[in-house]
C-alpha atoms as a PDB file:
ATOM      1  CA  UNK A   1     -17.554  -7.677-122.347  1.00  0.00           C
ATOM      2  CA  UNK A   2     -20.162  -9.282-124.610  1.00  0.00           C
ATOM      3  CA  UNK A   3     -19.999 -12.355-122.357  1.00  0.00           C
ATOM      4  CA  UNK A   4     -21.046 -10.374-119.272  1.00  0.00           C
ATOM      5  CA  UNK A   5     -24.646 -10.095-118.132  1.00  0.00           C
ATOM      6  CA  UNK A   6     -24.593  -6.559-116.716  1.00  0.00           C
ATOM      7  CA  UNK A   7     -22.596  -4.205-114.510  1.00  0.00           C
ATOM      8  CA  UNK A   8     -22.795  -3.179-110.879  1.00  0.00           C
ATOM      9  CA  UNK A   9     -24.012   0.337-111.650  1.00  0.00           C
ATOM     10  CA  UNK A  10     -27.025  -1.043-113.544  1.00  0.00           C
ATOM     11  CA  UNK A  11     -27.751  -3.553-110.779  1.00  0.00           C
ATOM     12  CA  UNK A  12     -27.729  -0.781-108.180  1.00  0.00           C
ATOM     13  CA  UNK A  13     -30.320   1.114-110.216  1.00  0.00           C
ATOM     14  CA  UNK A  14     -32.607  -1.862-110.883  1.00  0.00           C
ATOM     15  CA  UNK A  15     -32.079  -4.321-108.004  1.00  0.00           C
ATOM     16  CA  UNK A  16     -30.877  -2.352-104.952  1.00  0.00           C
ATOM     17  CA  UNK A  17     -32.130  -4.863-102.349  1.00  0.00           C
ATOM     18  CA  UNK A  18     -30.472  -7.723-104.225  1.00  0.00           C
ATOM     19  CA  UNK A  19     -27.208  -5.762-104.261  1.00  0.00           C
ATOM     20  CA  UNK A  20     -27.315  -5.456-100.477  1.00  0.00           C
ATOM     21  CA  UNK A  21     -27.838  -9.233-100.166  1.00  0.00           C
ATOM     22  CA  UNK A  22     -24.752  -9.887-102.291  1.00  0.00           C
ATOM     23  CA  UNK A  23     -22.647  -6.971-101.076  1.00  0.00           C
ATOM     24  CA  UNK A  24     -20.302  -9.055 -98.913  1.00  0.00           C
ATOM     25  CA  UNK A  25     -19.579 -11.603-101.639  1.00  0.00           C
ATOM     26  CA  UNK A  26     -19.079  -8.952-104.316  1.00  0.00           C
ATOM     27  CA  UNK A  27     -16.903  -6.786-102.055  1.00  0.00           C
ATOM     28  CA  UNK A  28     -14.697  -9.821-101.363  1.00  0.00           C
ATOM     29  CA  UNK A  29     -14.404 -10.601-105.079  1.00  0.00           C
ATOM     30  CA  UNK A  30     -13.499  -6.977-105.870  1.00  0.00           C
ATOM     31  CA  UNK A  31     -10.887  -7.097-103.105  1.00  0.00           C
ATOM     32  CA  UNK A  32      -9.316 -10.215-104.606  1.00  0.00           C
ATOM     33  CA  UNK A  33      -9.374  -8.642-108.063  1.00  0.00           C
ATOM     34  CA  UNK A  34      -7.691  -5.420-106.935  1.00  0.00           C
ATOM     35  CA  UNK A  35      -5.026  -7.373-105.062  1.00  0.00           C
ATOM     36  CA  UNK A  36      -4.406  -9.539-108.155  1.00  0.00           C
ATOM     37  CA  UNK A  37      -3.840  -6.382-110.205  1.00  0.00           C
ATOM     38  CA  UNK A  38      -1.427  -4.978-107.635  1.00  0.00           C
ATOM     39  CA  UNK A  39       0.476  -8.279-107.600  1.00  0.00           C
ATOM     40  CA  UNK A  40       0.890  -7.878-111.375  1.00  0.00           C
ATOM     41  CA  UNK A  41       2.116  -4.305-110.999  1.00  0.00           C
ATOM     42  CA  UNK A  42      -1.110  -2.578-112.078  1.00  0.00           C
ATOM     43  CA  UNK A  43      -2.915   0.335-110.403  1.00  0.00           C
ATOM     44  CA  UNK A  44      -6.393   0.412-111.941  1.00  0.00           C
ATOM     45  CA  UNK A  45      -7.076   4.079-111.093  1.00  0.00           C
ATOM     46  CA  UNK A  46     -10.760   4.002-112.076  1.00  0.00           C
ATOM     47  CA  UNK A  47     -12.481   1.480-109.803  1.00  0.00           C
ATOM     48  CA  UNK A  48     -16.185   2.385-109.798  1.00  0.00           C
ATOM     49  CA  UNK A  49     -19.539   0.601-110.019  1.00  0.00           C
ATOM     50  CA  UNK A  50     -19.790   1.080-113.803  1.00  0.00           C
ATOM     51  CA  UNK A  51     -16.439  -0.712-114.246  1.00  0.00           C
ATOM     52  CA  UNK A  52     -17.498  -3.769-112.260  1.00  0.00           C
ATOM     53  CA  UNK A  53     -19.128  -6.254-114.631  1.00  0.00           C
ATOM     54  CA  UNK A  54     -21.419  -9.106-113.546  1.00  0.00           C
ATOM     55  CA  UNK A  55     -21.266 -12.472-115.303  1.00  0.00           C
ATOM     56  CA  UNK A  56     -23.847 -15.217-115.795  1.00  0.00           C
ATOM     57  CA  UNK A  57     -23.034 -16.709-112.351  1.00  0.00           C
ATOM     58  CA  UNK A  58     -23.462 -13.252-110.835  1.00  0.00           C
ATOM     59  CA  UNK A  59     -19.815 -12.973-109.937  1.00  0.00           C
ATOM     60  CA  UNK A  60     -18.089  -9.636-110.488  1.00  0.00           C
ATOM     61  CA  UNK A  61     -15.257  -8.847-112.892  1.00  0.00           C
ATOM     62  CA  UNK A  62     -13.127  -5.695-112.975  1.00  0.00           C
ATOM     63  CA  UNK A  63     -12.954  -4.072-116.419  1.00  0.00           C
ATOM     64  CA  UNK A  64     -11.791  -0.930-118.272  1.00  0.00           C
ATOM     65  CA  UNK A  65      -8.033  -0.609-117.898  1.00  0.00           C
ATOM     66  CA  UNK A  66      -7.750   2.434-120.129  1.00  0.00           C
ATOM     67  CA  UNK A  67      -6.558   4.645-117.256  1.00  0.00           C
ATOM     68  CA  UNK A  68      -4.415   2.042-115.515  1.00  0.00           C
ATOM     69  CA  UNK A  69      -0.812   2.499-114.500  1.00  0.00           C
ATOM     70  CA  UNK A  70       1.440  -0.486-115.280  1.00  0.00           C
ATOM     71  CA  UNK A  71       4.702  -0.906-113.415  1.00  0.00           C
ATOM     72  CA  UNK A  72       7.316  -1.496-116.118  1.00  0.00           C
ATOM     73  CA  UNK A  73       9.476  -3.450-113.688  1.00  0.00           C
ATOM     74  CA  UNK A  74       6.774  -6.162-113.826  1.00  0.00           C
ATOM     75  CA  UNK A  75       6.907  -6.729-110.093  1.00  0.00           C
ATOM     76  CA  UNK A  76       4.275  -6.562-107.352  1.00  0.00           C
ATOM     77  CA  UNK A  77       3.471  -3.083-106.147  1.00  0.00           C
ATOM     78  CA  UNK A  78       4.787  -1.933-102.785  1.00  0.00           C
ATOM     79  CA  UNK A  79       1.901  -0.271-100.947  1.00  0.00           C
ATOM     80  CA  UNK A  80       4.369   2.145 -99.307  1.00  0.00           C
ATOM     81  CA  UNK A  81       5.747   3.406-102.635  1.00  0.00           C
ATOM     82  CA  UNK A  82       4.412   6.111-104.929  1.00  0.00           C
ATOM     83  CA  UNK A  83       4.468   5.292-108.616  1.00  0.00           C
ATOM     84  CA  UNK A  84       2.616   7.859-110.675  1.00  0.00           C
ATOM     85  CA  UNK A  85       1.325  11.401-110.707  1.00  0.00           C
ATOM     86  CA  UNK A  86      -0.923  11.544-113.762  1.00  0.00           C
ATOM     87  CA  UNK A  87      -4.451  12.857-113.455  1.00  0.00           C
ATOM     88  CA  UNK A  88      -6.612   9.737-113.736  1.00  0.00           C
ATOM     89  CA  UNK A  89      -9.936   8.426-112.510  1.00  0.00           C
ATOM     90  CA  UNK A  90     -13.497   9.510-111.873  1.00  0.00           C
ATOM     91  CA  UNK A  91     -14.054  12.238-109.297  1.00  0.00           C
ATOM     92  CA  UNK A  92     -16.605  10.457-107.091  1.00  0.00           C
ATOM     93  CA  UNK A  93     -14.210   7.545-106.443  1.00  0.00           C
ATOM     94  CA  UNK A  94     -10.910   9.446-106.685  1.00  0.00           C
ATOM     95  CA  UNK A  95      -8.556   9.343-103.700  1.00  0.00           C
ATOM     96  CA  UNK A  96      -7.599  12.695-102.129  1.00  0.00           C
ATOM     97  CA  UNK A  97      -3.899  12.193-102.930  1.00  0.00           C
ATOM     98  CA  UNK A  98      -4.833  12.160-106.631  1.00  0.00           C
ATOM     99  CA  UNK A  99      -6.894  15.369-106.456  1.00  0.00           C
ATOM    100  CA  UNK A 100      -3.945  17.824-106.184  1.00  0.00           C
ATOM    101  CA  UNK A 101      -2.816  16.639-109.609  1.00  0.00           C
ATOM    102  CA  UNK A 102      -5.888  18.089-111.296  1.00  0.00           C
ATOM    103  CA  UNK A 103      -5.782  21.896-110.801  1.00  0.00           C
ATOM    104  CA  UNK A 104      -2.195  22.942-110.169  1.00  0.00           C
ATOM    105  CA  UNK A 105       1.252  22.760-111.755  1.00  0.00           C
ATOM    106  CA  UNK A 106       2.793  20.775-108.901  1.00  0.00           C
ATOM    107  CA  UNK A 107       2.435  17.006-109.300  1.00  0.00           C
ATOM    108  CA  UNK A 108       2.035  14.727-106.276  1.00  0.00           C
ATOM    109  CA  UNK A 109       2.840  11.051-106.660  1.00  0.00           C
ATOM    110  CA  UNK A 110       0.539   8.304-105.416  1.00  0.00           C
ATOM    111  CA  UNK A 111       0.433   4.510-105.370  1.00  0.00           C
ATOM    112  CA  UNK A 112      -1.700   1.406-104.860  1.00  0.00           C
ATOM    113  CA  UNK A 113      -3.701   2.792-101.877  1.00  0.00           C
ATOM    114  CA  UNK A 114      -5.625   4.947-104.369  1.00  0.00           C
ATOM    115  CA  UNK A 115      -7.444   1.787-105.546  1.00  0.00           C
ATOM    116  CA  UNK A 116      -8.392   0.828-101.972  1.00  0.00           C
ATOM    117  CA  UNK A 117      -9.974   4.262-101.495  1.00  0.00           C
ATOM    118  CA  UNK A 118     -12.042   3.652-104.636  1.00  0.00           C
ATOM    119  CA  UNK A 119     -13.120   0.255-103.289  1.00  0.00           C
ATOM    120  CA  UNK A 120     -14.379   1.967-100.133  1.00  0.00           C
ATOM    121  CA  UNK A 121     -16.480   4.311-102.278  1.00  0.00           C
ATOM    122  CA  UNK A 122     -17.987   1.391-104.220  1.00  0.00           C
ATOM    123  CA  UNK A 123     -18.777  -0.594-101.061  1.00  0.00           C
ATOM    124  CA  UNK A 124     -20.528   2.461 -99.621  1.00  0.00           C
ATOM    125  CA  UNK A 125     -22.727   2.634-102.744  1.00  0.00           C
ATOM    126  CA  UNK A 126     -23.524  -1.056-102.322  1.00  0.00           C
ATOM    127  CA  UNK A 127     -24.641  -0.941 -98.699  1.00  0.00           C
ATOM    128  CA  UNK A 128     -25.998   2.578 -98.107  1.00  0.00           C
ATOM    129  CA  UNK A 129     -29.742   3.132 -98.066  1.00  0.00           C
ATOM    130  CA  UNK A 130     -29.924   5.334-101.161  1.00  0.00           C
ATOM    131  CA  UNK A 131     -27.074   3.569-103.039  1.00  0.00           C
ATOM    132  CA  UNK A 132     -25.671   6.928-104.072  1.00  0.00           C
ATOM    133  CA  UNK A 133     -22.054   8.048-104.266  1.00  0.00           C
ATOM    134  CA  UNK A 134     -20.605   9.259-100.982  1.00  0.00           C
ATOM    135  CA  UNK A 135     -18.781  12.015-102.882  1.00  0.00           C
ATOM    136  CA  UNK A 136     -19.979  13.828-105.986  1.00  0.00           C
ATOM    137  CA  UNK A 137     -17.581  16.723-106.420  1.00  0.00           C
ATOM    138  CA  UNK A 138     -13.993  17.476-105.509  1.00  0.00           C
ATOM    139  CA  UNK A 139     -15.272  19.777-102.762  1.00  0.00           C
ATOM    140  CA  UNK A 140     -17.112  16.829-101.161  1.00  0.00           C
ATOM    141  CA  UNK A 141     -13.838  14.912-100.915  1.00  0.00           C
ATOM    142  CA  UNK A 142     -11.968  17.933 -99.558  1.00  0.00           C
ATOM    143  CA  UNK A 143     -14.695  18.453 -96.955  1.00  0.00           C
ATOM    144  CA  UNK A 144     -14.367  14.812 -95.861  1.00  0.00           C
ATOM    145  CA  UNK A 145     -10.570  15.204 -95.730  1.00  0.00           C
ATOM    146  CA  UNK A 146     -10.966  18.293 -93.542  1.00  0.00           C
ATOM    147  CA  UNK A 147     -13.545  16.560 -91.304  1.00  0.00           C
ATOM    148  CA  UNK A 148     -11.199  13.601 -90.730  1.00  0.00           C
ATOM    149  CA  UNK A 149      -8.303  15.906 -89.834  1.00  0.00           C
ATOM    150  CA  UNK A 150     -10.495  17.838 -87.408  1.00  0.00           C
ATOM    151  CA  UNK A 151     -11.676  14.636 -85.689  1.00  0.00           C
ATOM    152  CA  UNK A 152      -8.470  12.573 -85.811  1.00  0.00           C
ATOM    153  CA  UNK A 153      -8.033  12.790 -82.027  1.00  0.00           C
ATOM    154  CA  UNK A 154     -11.570  11.434 -81.539  1.00  0.00           C
ATOM    155  CA  UNK A 155     -11.449   7.970 -83.162  1.00  0.00           C
ATOM    156  CA  UNK A 156     -14.897   7.022 -81.854  1.00  0.00           C
ATOM    157  CA  UNK A 157     -16.498   9.945 -83.703  1.00  0.00           C
ATOM    158  CA  UNK A 158     -18.244   8.708 -86.842  1.00  0.00           C
ATOM    159  CA  UNK A 159     -18.640  10.553 -90.122  1.00  0.00           C
ATOM    160  CA  UNK A 160     -22.360  11.470 -90.373  1.00  0.00           C
ATOM    161  CA  UNK A 161     -22.983   9.466 -93.570  1.00  0.00           C
ATOM    162  CA  UNK A 162     -21.738   6.278 -91.867  1.00  0.00           C
ATOM    163  CA  UNK A 163     -24.184   6.424 -88.953  1.00  0.00           C
ATOM    164  CA  UNK A 164     -26.879   4.609 -90.958  1.00  0.00           C
ATOM    165  CA  UNK A 165     -24.541   1.644 -91.588  1.00  0.00           C
ATOM    166  CA  UNK A 166     -23.930  -1.457 -89.523  1.00  0.00           C
ATOM    167  CA  UNK A 167     -21.040  -0.794 -87.164  1.00  0.00           C
ATOM    168  CA  UNK A 168     -18.728  -3.345 -88.820  1.00  0.00           C
ATOM    169  CA  UNK A 169     -19.418  -1.961 -92.294  1.00  0.00           C
ATOM    170  CA  UNK A 170     -18.864   1.596 -91.092  1.00  0.00           C
ATOM    171  CA  UNK A 171     -15.498   0.526 -89.675  1.00  0.00           C
ATOM    172  CA  UNK A 172     -14.507  -1.186 -92.944  1.00  0.00           C
ATOM    173  CA  UNK A 173     -15.441   1.793 -95.111  1.00  0.00           C
ATOM    174  CA  UNK A 174     -13.825   4.267 -92.699  1.00  0.00           C
ATOM    175  CA  UNK A 175     -10.612   2.234 -92.879  1.00  0.00           C
ATOM    176  CA  UNK A 176     -10.634   2.218 -96.672  1.00  0.00           C
ATOM    177  CA  UNK A 177     -11.383   5.948 -96.760  1.00  0.00           C
ATOM    178  CA  UNK A 178      -8.607   7.111 -94.475  1.00  0.00           C
ATOM    179  CA  UNK A 179      -7.207  10.273 -96.076  1.00  0.00           C
ATOM    180  CA  UNK A 180      -3.568   9.362 -95.382  1.00  0.00           C
ATOM    181  CA  UNK A 181      -2.571   6.556 -97.809  1.00  0.00           C
ATOM    182  CA  UNK A 182      -0.041   4.961 -95.443  1.00  0.00           C
ATOM    183  CA  UNK A 183      -2.724   4.371 -92.788  1.00  0.00           C
ATOM    184  CA  UNK A 184      -5.472   3.294 -95.206  1.00  0.00           C
ATOM    185  CA  UNK A 185      -6.737  -0.293 -95.199  1.00  0.00           C
ATOM    186  CA  UNK A 186      -5.140  -2.539 -97.807  1.00  0.00           C
ATOM    187  CA  UNK A 187      -5.551  -6.174 -98.801  1.00  0.00           C
ATOM    188  CA  UNK A 188      -4.491  -7.718 -95.485  1.00  0.00           C
ATOM    189  CA  UNK A 189      -6.759  -5.478 -93.417  1.00  0.00           C
ATOM    190  CA  UNK A 190      -9.774  -6.078 -95.660  1.00  0.00           C
ATOM    191  CA  UNK A 191      -9.320  -9.870 -95.848  1.00  0.00           C
ATOM    192  CA  UNK A 192      -9.199 -10.108 -92.064  1.00  0.00           C
ATOM    193  CA  UNK A 193     -11.987  -7.638 -91.366  1.00  0.00           C
ATOM    194  CA  UNK A 194     -14.890  -8.843 -89.232  1.00  0.00           C
ATOM    195  CA  UNK A 195     -17.499  -7.501 -91.660  1.00  0.00           C
ATOM    196  CA  UNK A 196     -16.762 -10.454 -93.990  1.00  0.00           C
ATOM    197  CA  UNK A 197     -17.305 -13.163 -91.367  1.00  0.00           C
ATOM    198  CA  UNK A 198     -20.037 -15.652 -92.274  1.00  0.00           C
ATOM    199  CA  UNK A 199     -19.571 -17.892 -89.245  1.00  0.00           C
ATOM    200  CA  UNK A 200     -16.648 -18.802 -86.940  1.00  0.00           C
ATOM    201  CA  UNK A 201     -13.537 -19.638 -88.979  1.00  0.00           C
ATOM    202  CA  UNK A 202     -15.273 -18.863 -92.281  1.00  0.00           C
ATOM    203  CA  UNK A 203     -15.503 -15.595 -94.198  1.00  0.00           C
ATOM    204  CA  UNK A 204     -16.458 -14.430 -97.675  1.00  0.00           C
ATOM    205  CA  UNK A 205     -12.825 -15.027 -98.600  1.00  0.00           C
ATOM    206  CA  UNK A 206     -12.836 -18.708 -97.613  1.00  0.00           C
ATOM    207  CA  UNK A 207     -12.479 -20.736-100.835  1.00  0.00           C
ATOM    208  CA  UNK A 208     -13.863 -17.710-102.668  1.00  0.00           C
ATOM    209  CA  UNK A 209     -12.699 -18.835-106.113  1.00  0.00           C
ATOM    210  CA  UNK A 210     -14.173 -22.338-105.794  1.00  0.00           C
ATOM    211  CA  UNK A 211     -17.468 -21.010-104.447  1.00  0.00           C
ATOM    212  CA  UNK A 212     -17.672 -18.492-107.293  1.00  0.00           C
ATOM    213  CA  UNK A 213     -17.224 -21.223-109.920  1.00  0.00           C
ATOM    214  CA  UNK A 214     -19.712 -23.454-108.122  1.00  0.00           C
ATOM    215  CA  UNK A 215     -22.539 -20.962-108.433  1.00  0.00           C
ATOM    216  CA  UNK A 216     -25.389 -21.797-110.789  1.00  0.00           C
ATOM    217  CA  UNK A 217     -25.023 -20.290-114.237  1.00  0.00           C
ATOM    218  CA  UNK A 218     -27.891 -18.418-115.918  1.00  0.00           C
ATOM    219  CA  UNK A 219     -27.144 -18.340-119.683  1.00  0.00           C
ATOM    220  CA  UNK A 220     -30.454 -16.545-120.253  1.00  0.00           C
ATOM    221  CA  UNK A 221     -28.895 -13.450-118.657  1.00  0.00           C
ATOM    222  CA  UNK A 222     -26.332 -13.168-121.454  1.00  0.00           C
ATOM    223  CA  UNK A 223     -26.961 -11.209-124.665  1.00  0.00           C
ATOM    224  CA  UNK A 224     -27.667 -13.150-127.864  1.00  0.00           C
ATOM    225  CA  UNK A 225     -24.508 -12.835-129.983  1.00  0.00           C
ATOM    226  CA  UNK A 226     -25.840 -14.749-132.980  1.00  0.00           C
ATOM    227  CA  UNK A 227     -27.424 -11.697-134.601  1.00  0.00           C
ATOM    228  CA  UNK A 228     -29.973 -13.886-136.385  1.00  0.00           C
ATOM    229  CA  UNK A 229     -27.387 -16.370-137.657  1.00  0.00           C
ATOM    230  CA  UNK A 230     -26.785 -19.934-136.552  1.00  0.00           C
ATOM    231  CA  UNK A 231     -23.471 -20.331-134.761  1.00  0.00           C
ATOM    232  CA  UNK A 232     -21.543 -23.241-133.371  1.00  0.00           C
ATOM    233  CA  UNK A 233     -20.772 -23.104-129.678  1.00  0.00           C
ATOM    234  CA  UNK A 234     -17.064 -22.927-128.960  1.00  0.00           C
ATOM    235  CA  UNK A 235     -15.427 -24.013-125.738  1.00  0.00           C
ATOM    236  CA  UNK A 236     -12.875 -21.634-124.278  1.00  0.00           C
ATOM    237  CA  UNK A 237      -9.898 -23.219-122.596  1.00  0.00           C
ATOM    238  CA  UNK A 238      -6.983 -21.953-120.571  1.00  0.00           C
ATOM    239  CA  UNK A 239      -4.282 -23.883-118.784  1.00  0.00           C
ATOM    240  CA  UNK A 240      -4.105 -24.182-115.049  1.00  0.00           C
ATOM    241  CA  UNK A 241      -0.583 -24.211-113.596  1.00  0.00           C
ATOM    242  CA  UNK A 242       0.512 -27.462-112.065  1.00  0.00           C
ATOM    243  CA  UNK A 243       2.863 -25.924-109.504  1.00  0.00           C
ATOM    244  CA  UNK A 244       2.209 -24.367-106.130  1.00  0.00           C
ATOM    245  CA  UNK A 245       2.251 -20.583-105.864  1.00  0.00           C
ATOM    246  CA  UNK A 246       2.205 -18.244-102.930  1.00  0.00           C
ATOM    247  CA  UNK A 247      -1.337 -17.328-101.929  1.00  0.00           C
ATOM    248  CA  UNK A 248      -3.534 -16.212 -99.081  1.00  0.00           C
ATOM    249  CA  UNK A 249      -4.663 -19.218 -96.977  1.00  0.00           C
ATOM    250  CA  UNK A 250      -8.188 -20.294 -97.888  1.00  0.00           C
ATOM    251  CA  UNK A 251      -8.304 -18.279-101.104  1.00  0.00           C
ATOM    252  CA  UNK A 252      -8.067 -20.203-104.403  1.00  0.00           C
ATOM    253  CA  UNK A 253      -6.277 -17.667-106.553  1.00  0.00           C
ATOM    254  CA  UNK A 254      -3.380 -18.074-108.975  1.00  0.00           C
ATOM    255  CA  UNK A 255      -1.349 -15.170-110.292  1.00  0.00           C
ATOM    256  CA  UNK A 256      -2.069 -15.090-114.053  1.00  0.00           C
ATOM    257  CA  UNK A 257       1.312 -13.557-114.907  1.00  0.00           C
ATOM    258  CA  UNK A 258       2.997 -16.787-113.849  1.00  0.00           C
ATOM    259  CA  UNK A 259       1.661 -18.576-116.880  1.00  0.00           C
ATOM    260  CA  UNK A 260       0.657 -15.627-119.071  1.00  0.00           C
ATOM    261  CA  UNK A 261       3.887 -13.545-119.073  1.00  0.00           C
ATOM    262  CA  UNK A 262       2.445 -11.103-121.605  1.00  0.00           C
ATOM    263  CA  UNK A 263      -0.258  -9.862-119.205  1.00  0.00           C
END
């Protein structure tokens, strides 16, 4: 964390217009990060702006795995399966299927879609005019859940808070915030969503990893770790696998667990 420049929450407070300019790129990077975790069998369970760090190239990194669920079978998560029932997360980005676990004795299980709900909450903060959380309390989430149920037979009806957004963004966030986990947008739906299109046949996901590494680095953004003492710079290395792995076309991503089994 000392090698990160800031976090998304701080950026939203200090540079809101800049956050809007980079919202598509950062949303794509968060999407890739969440999918990578799910491929490793991890449900983060606390995706929020404060847990999205920003590095010296102004790329985002997901942090704080203290509340994460780890699938002991070490396999990719099945989005249709429920894995855990523990109370976990932060209320303003907590999926409705997690909420029943907080007050009562009966435990409801949930799975990977809980992270996609949280992503929808973070994207809303990024692109809305006031950059505030869509939900603040549990009652806000329950009201939204009730509103969606009441209007489920009127798909063209838009939740009032989404009316200020561009139509494509409103559709993306609405898909991520579907109350029923089985119908909620996941990785495939987000990757192919029109809101990420930059031009024909190119989106924010096209060669995302290479474009992230190719961005200019600003070392001046990083904190001074020397603490008044002279230090020698050390290069950090990690091996790249030499074999082909399954991946999404156009996205340069390698599953870390393939060459770091301990992750």
